[in-house]
Protein backbone atom coordinates (compact mmCIF):
# COMPACT_ATOMS: atom_id res chain seq x y z
CA UNK A 1 0.00 0.00 0.00
CA UNK A 2 1.57 3.33 -1.01
CA UNK A 3 2.46 5.81 1.70
CA UNK A 4 0.21 8.36 0.00
CA UNK A 5 -2.90 6.29 0.74
CA UNK A 6 -4.94 8.66 2.96
CA UNK A 7 -6.45 5.76 4.94
CA UNK A 8 -2.98 4.33 5.71
CA UNK A 9 -0.79 7.37 6.34
CA UNK A 10 1.91 5.30 8.09
CA UNK A 11 2.32 2.82 5.23
CA UNK A 12 6.02 2.00 4.85
CA UNK A 13 6.78 2.47 8.56
CA UNK A 14 8.07 -0.61 10.36
CA UNK A 15 7.70 -1.05 14.12
CA UNK A 16 8.75 -3.77 16.54
CA UNK A 17 6.57 -4.28 19.60
CA UNK A 18 7.63 -6.22 22.70
CA UNK A 19 4.73 -6.06 25.11
CA UNK A 20 1.95 -7.56 27.14
CA UNK A 21 -1.45 -6.55 28.54
CA UNK A 22 -3.11 -3.31 27.29
CA UNK A 23 -1.16 -0.07 26.83
CA UNK A 24 1.57 -1.04 24.37
CA UNK A 25 -0.52 -3.63 22.48
CA UNK A 26 -3.16 -0.92 21.98
CA UNK A 27 -0.48 1.49 20.75
CA UNK A 28 0.81 -1.11 18.31
CA UNK A 29 -2.66 -1.94 17.02
CA UNK A 30 -3.47 1.76 16.56
CA UNK A 31 -0.29 2.26 14.55
CA UNK A 32 -1.11 -0.84 12.51
CA UNK A 33 -4.55 0.55 11.73
CA UNK A 34 -2.85 3.73 10.51
CA UNK A 35 -0.86 1.64 8.03
CA UNK A 36 2.37 0.76 9.83
CA UNK A 37 3.76 -2.76 9.68
CA UNK A 38 3.94 -3.80 13.33
CA UNK A 39 5.80 -6.95 14.34
CA UNK A 40 4.83 -8.16 17.79
CA UNK A 41 7.69 -10.21 19.22
CA UNK A 42 6.76 -12.64 22.00
CA UNK A 43 8.66 -15.32 23.88
CA UNK A 44 8.13 -18.87 22.71
CA UNK A 45 4.93 -19.99 24.41
CA UNK A 46 3.58 -16.45 24.60
CA UNK A 47 3.80 -13.51 26.98
CA UNK A 48 1.68 -13.17 30.11
CA UNK A 49 -1.38 -12.02 28.17
CA UNK A 50 -1.47 -14.70 25.45
CA UNK A 51 -4.16 -16.74 27.22
CA UNK A 52 -5.81 -13.94 29.16
CA UNK A 53 -9.58 -14.08 29.67
CA UNK A 54 -12.08 -13.95 28.07
CA UNK A 55 -11.27 -17.17 26.22
CA UNK A 56 -13.12 -19.49 23.85
CA UNK A 57 -14.22 -22.97 24.89
CA UNK A 58 -10.95 -24.20 23.41
CA UNK A 59 -8.96 -21.80 25.59
CA UNK A 60 -7.94 -19.29 22.92
CA UNK A 61 -7.81 -15.72 24.17
CA UNK A 62 -10.51 -13.46 22.73
CA UNK A 63 -8.76 -10.65 24.59
CA UNK A 64 -5.42 -11.25 22.87
CA UNK A 65 -7.04 -11.39 19.45
CA UNK A 66 -8.82 -8.10 20.15
CA UNK A 67 -5.66 -6.09 20.87
CA UNK A 68 -3.41 -7.57 18.20
CA UNK A 69 -5.49 -7.21 15.06
CA UNK A 70 -3.48 -6.62 11.92
CA UNK A 71 -0.05 -7.25 13.45
CA UNK A 72 2.49 -9.88 12.45
CA UNK A 73 3.70 -12.28 15.12
CA UNK A 74 7.23 -13.52 15.74
CA UNK A 75 8.07 -15.96 18.53
CA UNK A 76 11.66 -15.91 19.80
CA UNK A 77 13.47 -17.25 22.85
CA UNK A 78 14.52 -13.88 24.19
CA UNK A 79 16.42 -15.49 27.05
CA UNK A 80 18.97 -16.93 24.65
CA UNK A 81 21.84 -14.90 23.23
CA UNK A 82 20.86 -15.88 19.70
CA UNK A 83 17.26 -14.85 20.25
CA UNK A 84 18.28 -11.50 21.72
CA UNK A 85 20.58 -10.84 18.77
CA UNK A 86 17.77 -11.64 16.31
CA UNK A 87 15.31 -9.30 17.99
CA UNK A 88 17.89 -6.53 18.28
CA UNK A 89 18.55 -6.86 14.54
CA UNK A 90 14.81 -6.63 13.84
CA UNK A 91 14.55 -3.46 15.93
CA UNK A 92 17.52 -1.83 14.25
CA UNK A 93 16.11 -2.76 10.83
CA UNK A 94 12.68 -1.34 11.72
CA UNK A 95 13.98 1.77 13.43
CA UNK A 96 11.09 1.92 15.92
CA UNK A 97 10.56 -0.03 19.15
CA UNK A 98 7.56 0.19 21.46
CA UNK A 99 7.72 -1.83 24.64
CA UNK A 100 6.66 -2.11 28.25
CA UNK A 101 9.37 -4.65 29.01
CA UNK A 102 12.12 -2.63 30.65
CA UNK A 103 15.40 -3.47 32.32
CA UNK A 104 16.89 -5.45 29.45
CA UNK A 105 20.24 -4.04 28.45
CA UNK A 106 20.27 -5.80 25.08
CA UNK A 107 17.16 -3.88 23.91
CA UNK A 108 17.79 -0.63 25.80
CA UNK A 109 17.92 2.66 23.95
CA UNK A 110 21.66 3.10 24.53
CA UNK A 111 22.50 -0.34 23.17
CA UNK A 112 20.27 -0.15 20.11
CA UNK A 113 21.00 3.50 19.28
CA UNK A 114 24.67 2.61 18.98
CA UNK A 115 23.65 0.62 15.89
CA UNK A 116 21.06 3.08 14.57
CA UNK A 117 21.35 6.76 15.48
CA UNK A 118 17.82 7.68 14.37
CA UNK A 119 16.17 4.96 16.47
CA UNK A 120 12.77 5.78 17.97
CA UNK A 121 12.54 3.96 21.30
CA UNK A 122 9.29 4.23 23.30
CA UNK A 123 9.24 2.52 26.69
CA UNK A 124 6.17 2.39 28.90
CA UNK A 125 6.68 1.76 32.61
CA UNK A 126 4.29 1.40 35.49
CA UNK A 127 5.70 4.08 37.77
CA UNK A 128 7.57 7.27 37.11
CA UNK A 129 10.61 5.86 38.93
CA UNK A 130 10.63 2.86 36.60
CA UNK A 131 8.94 0.54 39.08
CA UNK A 132 6.22 -1.91 38.16
CA UNK A 133 2.51 -1.12 38.32
CA UNK A 134 -0.69 -1.93 36.45
CA UNK A 135 -3.80 0.11 35.77
CA UNK A 136 -5.63 -1.10 38.85
CA UNK A 137 -2.78 -0.40 41.27
CA UNK A 138 -2.12 2.99 39.68
CA UNK A 139 -5.82 3.79 39.92
CA UNK A 140 -5.82 2.98 43.63
CA UNK A 141 -3.18 5.64 44.21
CA UNK A 142 -4.87 8.44 42.23
CA UNK A 143 -7.98 9.05 44.34
CA UNK A 144 -10.61 7.93 41.82
CA UNK A 145 -11.79 4.79 43.69
CA UNK A 146 -12.62 6.94 46.73
CA UNK A 147 -15.01 9.14 44.74
CA UNK A 148 -16.57 6.28 42.76
CA UNK A 149 -19.76 4.62 43.95
CA UNK A 150 -22.71 5.58 46.15
CA UNK A 151 -22.23 8.29 48.80
CA UNK A 152 -22.99 5.95 51.70
CA UNK A 153 -20.24 3.50 50.74
CA UNK A 154 -16.99 3.64 52.71
CA UNK A 155 -14.95 1.11 50.71
CA UNK A 156 -13.07 2.04 47.53
CA UNK A 157 -14.67 1.16 44.18
CA UNK A 158 -12.52 0.38 41.14
CA UNK A 159 -13.88 1.20 37.71
CA UNK A 160 -13.98 -1.68 35.23
CA UNK A 161 -12.46 0.24 32.33
CA UNK A 162 -8.63 0.25 32.38
CA UNK A 163 -8.68 3.95 31.58
CA UNK A 164 -5.01 4.63 32.27
CA UNK A 165 -3.88 1.74 30.07
CA UNK A 166 -6.04 3.04 27.24
CA UNK A 167 -4.85 6.62 27.65
CA UNK A 168 -1.25 5.50 27.93
CA UNK A 169 -1.51 3.39 24.78
CA UNK A 170 -2.85 6.33 22.80
CA UNK A 171 -0.13 8.61 24.19
CA UNK A 172 2.44 6.01 23.08
CA UNK A 173 1.00 5.92 19.56
CA UNK A 174 1.01 9.72 19.47
CA UNK A 175 4.62 9.74 20.65
CA UNK A 176 5.64 7.46 17.77
CA UNK A 177 3.91 9.58 15.13
CA UNK A 178 5.47 12.81 16.42
CA UNK A 179 8.90 11.16 16.63
CA UNK A 180 8.52 9.96 13.05
CA UNK A 181 7.83 13.52 11.95
CA UNK A 182 10.91 14.73 13.80
CA UNK A 183 13.00 12.01 12.19
CA UNK A 184 11.69 12.89 8.74
CA UNK A 185 12.49 16.58 9.18
CA UNK A 186 15.62 16.51 11.33
CA UNK A 187 16.99 12.99 10.89
CA UNK A 188 17.00 12.49 14.65
CA UNK A 189 15.74 9.59 16.69
CA UNK A 190 14.03 9.79 20.07
CA UNK A 191 14.19 8.19 23.48
CA UNK A 192 10.69 8.39 24.94
CA UNK A 193 9.52 7.21 28.35
CA UNK A 194 5.87 7.11 29.39
CA UNK A 195 4.83 6.11 32.92
CA UNK A 196 1.33 4.76 33.42
CA UNK A 197 1.32 6.49 36.79
CA UNK A 198 2.10 9.85 35.20
CA UNK A 199 -0.64 9.42 32.61
CA UNK A 200 -3.13 8.91 35.44
CA UNK A 201 -1.78 11.80 37.49
CA UNK A 202 -1.73 14.14 34.50
CA UNK A 203 -5.33 13.27 33.70
CA UNK A 204 -6.39 13.81 37.31
CA UNK A 205 -4.66 17.18 37.23
CA UNK A 206 -5.98 18.23 33.83
CA UNK A 207 -9.54 17.44 34.89
CA UNK A 208 -9.06 19.46 38.10
CA UNK A 209 -9.46 16.58 40.54
CA UNK A 210 -5.99 17.29 41.98
CA UNK A 211 -6.16 21.04 41.46
CA UNK A 212 -9.43 21.23 43.37
CA UNK A 213 -7.77 19.59 46.36
CA UNK A 214 -4.79 21.94 46.12
CA UNK A 215 -6.88 25.09 45.88
CA UNK A 216 -9.74 24.25 48.25
CA UNK A 217 -7.96 21.78 50.55
CA UNK A 218 -10.92 19.43 50.04
CA UNK A 219 -11.33 16.16 48.20
CA UNK A 220 -14.32 15.69 45.96
CA UNK A 221 -17.15 13.72 47.61
CA UNK A 222 -18.76 10.55 46.39
CA UNK A 223 -21.78 11.36 44.25
CA UNK A 224 -23.12 8.01 43.08
CA UNK A 225 -24.44 8.58 39.56
CA UNK A 226 -24.87 12.32 39.96
CA UNK A 227 -22.79 14.63 37.79
CA UNK A 228 -20.40 16.93 39.63
CA UNK A 229 -21.10 20.66 39.34
CA UNK A 230 -24.25 20.41 37.25
CA UNK A 231 -27.41 18.34 37.01
CA UNK A 232 -27.18 14.71 35.95
CA UNK A 233 -28.88 11.67 37.45
CA UNK A 234 -30.06 8.15 36.69
CA UNK A 235 -33.76 7.27 36.85
CA UNK A 236 -35.76 4.04 36.87
CA UNK A 237 -38.87 3.75 34.73
CA UNK A 238 -42.08 2.06 35.78
CA UNK A 239 -41.03 -1.16 34.04
CA UNK A 240 -37.57 -1.20 35.63
CA UNK A 241 -35.36 0.27 32.89
CA UNK A 242 -32.56 2.66 33.88
CA UNK A 243 -31.82 5.94 32.13
CA UNK A 244 -29.05 8.49 32.54
CA UNK A 245 -30.29 12.06 32.12
CA UNK A 246 -28.05 15.14 31.91
CA UNK A 247 -29.07 18.82 31.81
CA UNK A 248 -25.97 20.90 31.19
CA UNK A 249 -27.57 24.08 29.91
CA UNK A 250 -30.58 26.18 30.85
CA UNK A 251 -32.38 24.91 27.78
CA UNK A 252 -31.74 21.30 28.79
CA UNK A 253 -33.03 21.96 32.29
CA UNK A 254 -36.09 23.88 31.08
CA UNK A 255 -37.01 21.06 28.69
CA UNK A 256 -36.62 18.52 31.50
CA UNK A 257 -38.98 20.42 33.80
CA UNK A 258 -41.53 20.87 31.03
CA UNK A 259 -41.35 17.20 30.03
CA UNK A 260 -41.86 16.00 33.59
CA UNK A 261 -44.57 18.58 34.34
CA UNK A 262 -42.56 20.00 37.21
CA UNK A 263 -41.88 23.56 36.02
CA UNK A 264 -44.17 25.12 38.64
CA UNK A 265 -42.90 22.82 41.41
CA UNK A 266 -39.27 23.55 40.50
CA UNK A 267 -40.01 27.27 40.58
CA UNK A 268 -41.59 26.95 44.01
CA UNK A 269 -38.66 24.85 45.23
CA UNK A 270 -36.21 27.52 44.06
CA UNK A 271 -38.16 30.18 45.91
CA UNK A 272 -38.27 28.14 49.12
CA UNK A 273 -34.56 27.37 49.00
CA UNK A 274 -33.44 30.76 47.76
CA UNK A 275 -31.91 28.99 44.77
CA UNK A 276 -31.53 30.19 41.20
CA UNK A 277 -31.95 27.16 38.97
CA UNK A 278 -30.68 29.03 35.94
CA UNK A 279 -27.32 28.54 37.69
CA UNK A 280 -25.97 25.02 37.18
CA UNK A 281 -24.17 25.26 40.52
CA UNK A 282 -27.52 25.63 42.30
CA UNK A 283 -28.93 22.77 40.26
CA UNK A 284 -26.02 20.68 41.51
CA UNK A 285 -26.31 21.78 45.16
CA UNK A 286 -30.02 20.93 45.28
CA UNK A 287 -29.83 17.88 43.02
CA UNK A 288 -31.49 15.52 45.50
CA UNK A 289 -34.56 17.74 45.86
CA UNK A 290 -34.83 18.15 42.09
CA UNK A 291 -34.42 14.42 41.55
CA UNK A 292 -37.28 13.78 43.94
CA UNK A 293 -39.55 15.91 41.75
CA UNK A 294 -38.45 14.35 38.46
CA UNK A 295 -38.57 10.76 39.75
CA UNK A 296 -42.38 10.81 39.91
CA UNK A 297 -42.67 11.23 36.14
CA UNK A 298 -40.05 8.62 35.25
CA UNK A 299 -41.54 5.99 37.55
CA UNK A 300 -44.99 6.57 36.03
CA UNK A 301 -43.86 5.76 32.47
CA UNK A 302 -42.44 2.78 30.63
CA UNK A 303 -38.99 2.71 29.06
CA UNK A 304 -40.44 3.13 25.56
CA UNK A 305 -42.54 6.08 26.68
CA UNK A 306 -39.57 7.73 28.37
CA UNK A 307 -37.31 7.22 25.35
CA UNK A 308 -39.94 8.58 22.98
CA UNK A 309 -40.60 11.64 25.14
CA UNK A 310 -36.94 12.46 25.73
CA UNK A 311 -36.23 12.17 21.99
CA UNK A 312 -38.39 15.21 21.39
CA UNK A 313 -36.37 17.43 23.73
CA UNK A 314 -32.88 18.89 23.95
CA UNK A 315 -32.19 16.87 27.12
CA UNK A 316 -29.10 14.64 26.99
CA UNK A 317 -30.01 11.06 27.81
CA UNK A 318 -29.34 7.41 27.19
CA UNK A 319 -30.72 4.12 28.40
CA UNK A 320 -28.34 1.88 30.34
CA UNK A 321 -27.52 -1.22 28.28
CA UNK A 322 -25.60 -4.44 28.84
CA UNK A 323 -22.69 -5.40 26.60
CA UNK A 324 -24.93 -8.04 25.00
CA UNK A 325 -27.55 -5.39 24.21
CA UNK A 326 -24.93 -3.04 22.76
CA UNK A 327 -23.47 -5.81 20.58
CA UNK A 328 -26.90 -6.36 19.01
CA UNK A 329 -27.71 -2.66 18.65
CA UNK A 330 -27.74 -0.78 15.34
CA UNK A 331 -24.89 1.37 16.62
CA UNK A 332 -22.72 -1.72 16.19
CA UNK A 333 -24.50 -3.80 13.57
CA UNK A 334 -25.01 -0.86 11.17
CA UNK A 335 -21.91 1.14 12.05
CA UNK A 336 -19.20 1.35 9.34
CA UNK A 337 -16.63 1.28 12.12
CA UNK A 338 -17.44 -2.42 12.50
CA UNK A 339 -16.84 -5.00 9.77
CA UNK A 340 -17.27 -8.77 9.74
CA UNK A 341 -14.02 -10.46 10.72
CA UNK A 342 -13.11 -14.14 10.46
CA UNK A 343 -10.72 -14.47 13.38
CA UNK A 344 -8.95 -17.84 13.39
CA UNK A 345 -9.47 -19.78 16.64
CA UNK A 346 -12.15 -17.33 17.80
CA UNK A 347 -14.83 -17.20 15.11
CA UNK A 348 -16.68 -14.70 12.96
CA UNK A 349 -17.85 -11.47 14.57
CA UNK A 350 -18.13 -7.73 14.00
CA UNK A 351 -14.82 -6.12 14.89
CA UNK A 352 -14.01 -2.41 15.17
CA UNK A 353 -11.34 -0.86 13.02
CA UNK A 354 -9.69 2.47 13.77
CA UNK A 355 -12.38 4.74 15.31
CA UNK A 356 -11.22 7.64 13.14
CA UNK A 357 -12.80 8.24 9.74
CA UNK A 358 -10.14 9.41 7.26
CA UNK A 359 -11.72 11.05 4.24
CA UNK A 360 -14.96 9.36 5.27
CA UNK A 361 -13.46 5.87 5.55
CA UNK A 362 -12.74 3.83 8.67
CA UNK A 363 -9.63 1.65 8.31
CA UNK A 364 -11.12 -1.85 8.76
CA UNK A 365 -10.13 -4.52 11.26
CA UNK A 366 -7.67 -7.20 10.16
CA UNK A 367 -7.47 -10.56 11.92
CA UNK A 368 -4.85 -11.08 14.62
CA UNK A 369 -2.18 -13.71 14.01
CA UNK A 370 -1.51 -16.77 16.10
CA UNK A 371 1.68 -16.71 18.10
CA UNK A 372 4.63 -17.14 15.77
CA UNK A 373 2.61 -17.14 12.54
CA UNK A 374 5.06 -14.80 10.83
CA UNK A 375 8.37 -15.82 12.38
CA UNK A 376 9.82 -17.42 9.26
CA UNK A 377 8.57 -14.78 6.83
CA UNK A 378 9.71 -11.80 8.90
CA UNK A 379 13.18 -13.17 9.58
CA UNK A 380 13.54 -14.00 5.89
CA UNK A 381 12.17 -10.69 4.60
CA UNK A 382 13.80 -8.36 7.11
CA UNK A 383 17.07 -10.08 7.96
CA UNK A 384 17.72 -12.33 4.98
CA UNK A 385 17.77 -15.46 7.14
CA UNK A 386 18.08 -18.53 4.90
CA UNK A 387 15.82 -21.56 5.17
CA UNK A 388 18.73 -23.60 6.48
CA UNK A 389 19.54 -21.02 9.16
CA UNK A 390 15.90 -20.82 10.19
CA UNK A 391 15.55 -24.59 10.45
CA UNK A 392 18.63 -24.72 12.67
CA UNK A 393 17.28 -21.98 14.97
CA UNK A 394 13.86 -23.62 15.13
CA UNK A 395 15.43 -26.95 16.02
CA UNK A 396 17.49 -25.33 18.78
CA UNK A 397 14.41 -23.56 20.17
CA UNK A 398 15.66 -20.04 19.48
CA UNK A 399 12.55 -19.33 17.36
CA UNK A 400 9.14 -20.87 16.90
CA UNK A 401 6.44 -20.79 14.23
CA UNK A 402 2.67 -20.70 14.47
CA UNK A 403 2.48 -24.47 14.67
CA UNK A 404 4.74 -24.70 17.71
CA UNK A 405 4.94 -21.12 19.04
CA UNK A 406 2.15 -21.64 21.55
């Protein structure tokens, strides 16, 4: 694919990925979807995430397939001197390494840059000091679990989404693209370090969670499903469906009061409390009283009635849905982001491509390889390894193919 293809702007770029879990695999997949050729190098038998849940009945990782779409897979014994030399040669040939496997001198920036001065080396660590951490331990130290959940709860509540891994992976992909631009214009490489902990702390600071504590000397309280600083709340309908409703602007709030027939009651409440409900701060301060008024209308109507009524207003809303419901919804089944994918060992399903439309087109998903599927081809294409050399290395266990890599 030519580098001028607008849907594959990174065509012609080669990247080696040594990774596990979420952040770096997501970075590699994102770069693949932008057109780069990404070689994921794993140890023979697979890294720690190769069989991570969820898995098929046969034990194949649906998770692993999801984060490695479109990559090529090479399996190498990276504990052996020969394996380390092979991988180092691949990295030098590619010119770009993304990894979250630190502490290995043979694939450190200093070692590899001595063989290629314009090397781009992106290393993700858990902590800013280089120590180990994962999303859920980083999250515990950022304050978010203590403001998540219902107000009456004393215990911390972790969110299910590995938000810091996802953010870190996208930062890593961004770092590679900016470093490539620098290399193209200045001929210089880059040594880039990204700490998962710092991604979380930066986000907490940028969104004012930390700044609020610094300026006011107070930590944000638990709010349940309320929305901090404005009006937002979940409601149950008469037939038990749950909706999230948000009124950010005066128009939103006015439409909500008119829909629920509470305009007069809300006005009287404001007078009694001395509150100005055209101010979103007052709507937030008196959210429980307002919710009590609105709840009557929601509980008196079915989910279909609520959805139909809300659709005719400016109010921001959505019905809570399970993953199974979302998977069957038109937003997936009729969304050009998703295309049918025949994933070996997993099955046929709708898989997302890159969630960025380039000139109106979403780069589609490409099936993930099995461990070691591309070992022979990559070593032959990139390094000129002969068939005889490869057979010798395979026999010694230095490399493995798809048939024996797992």
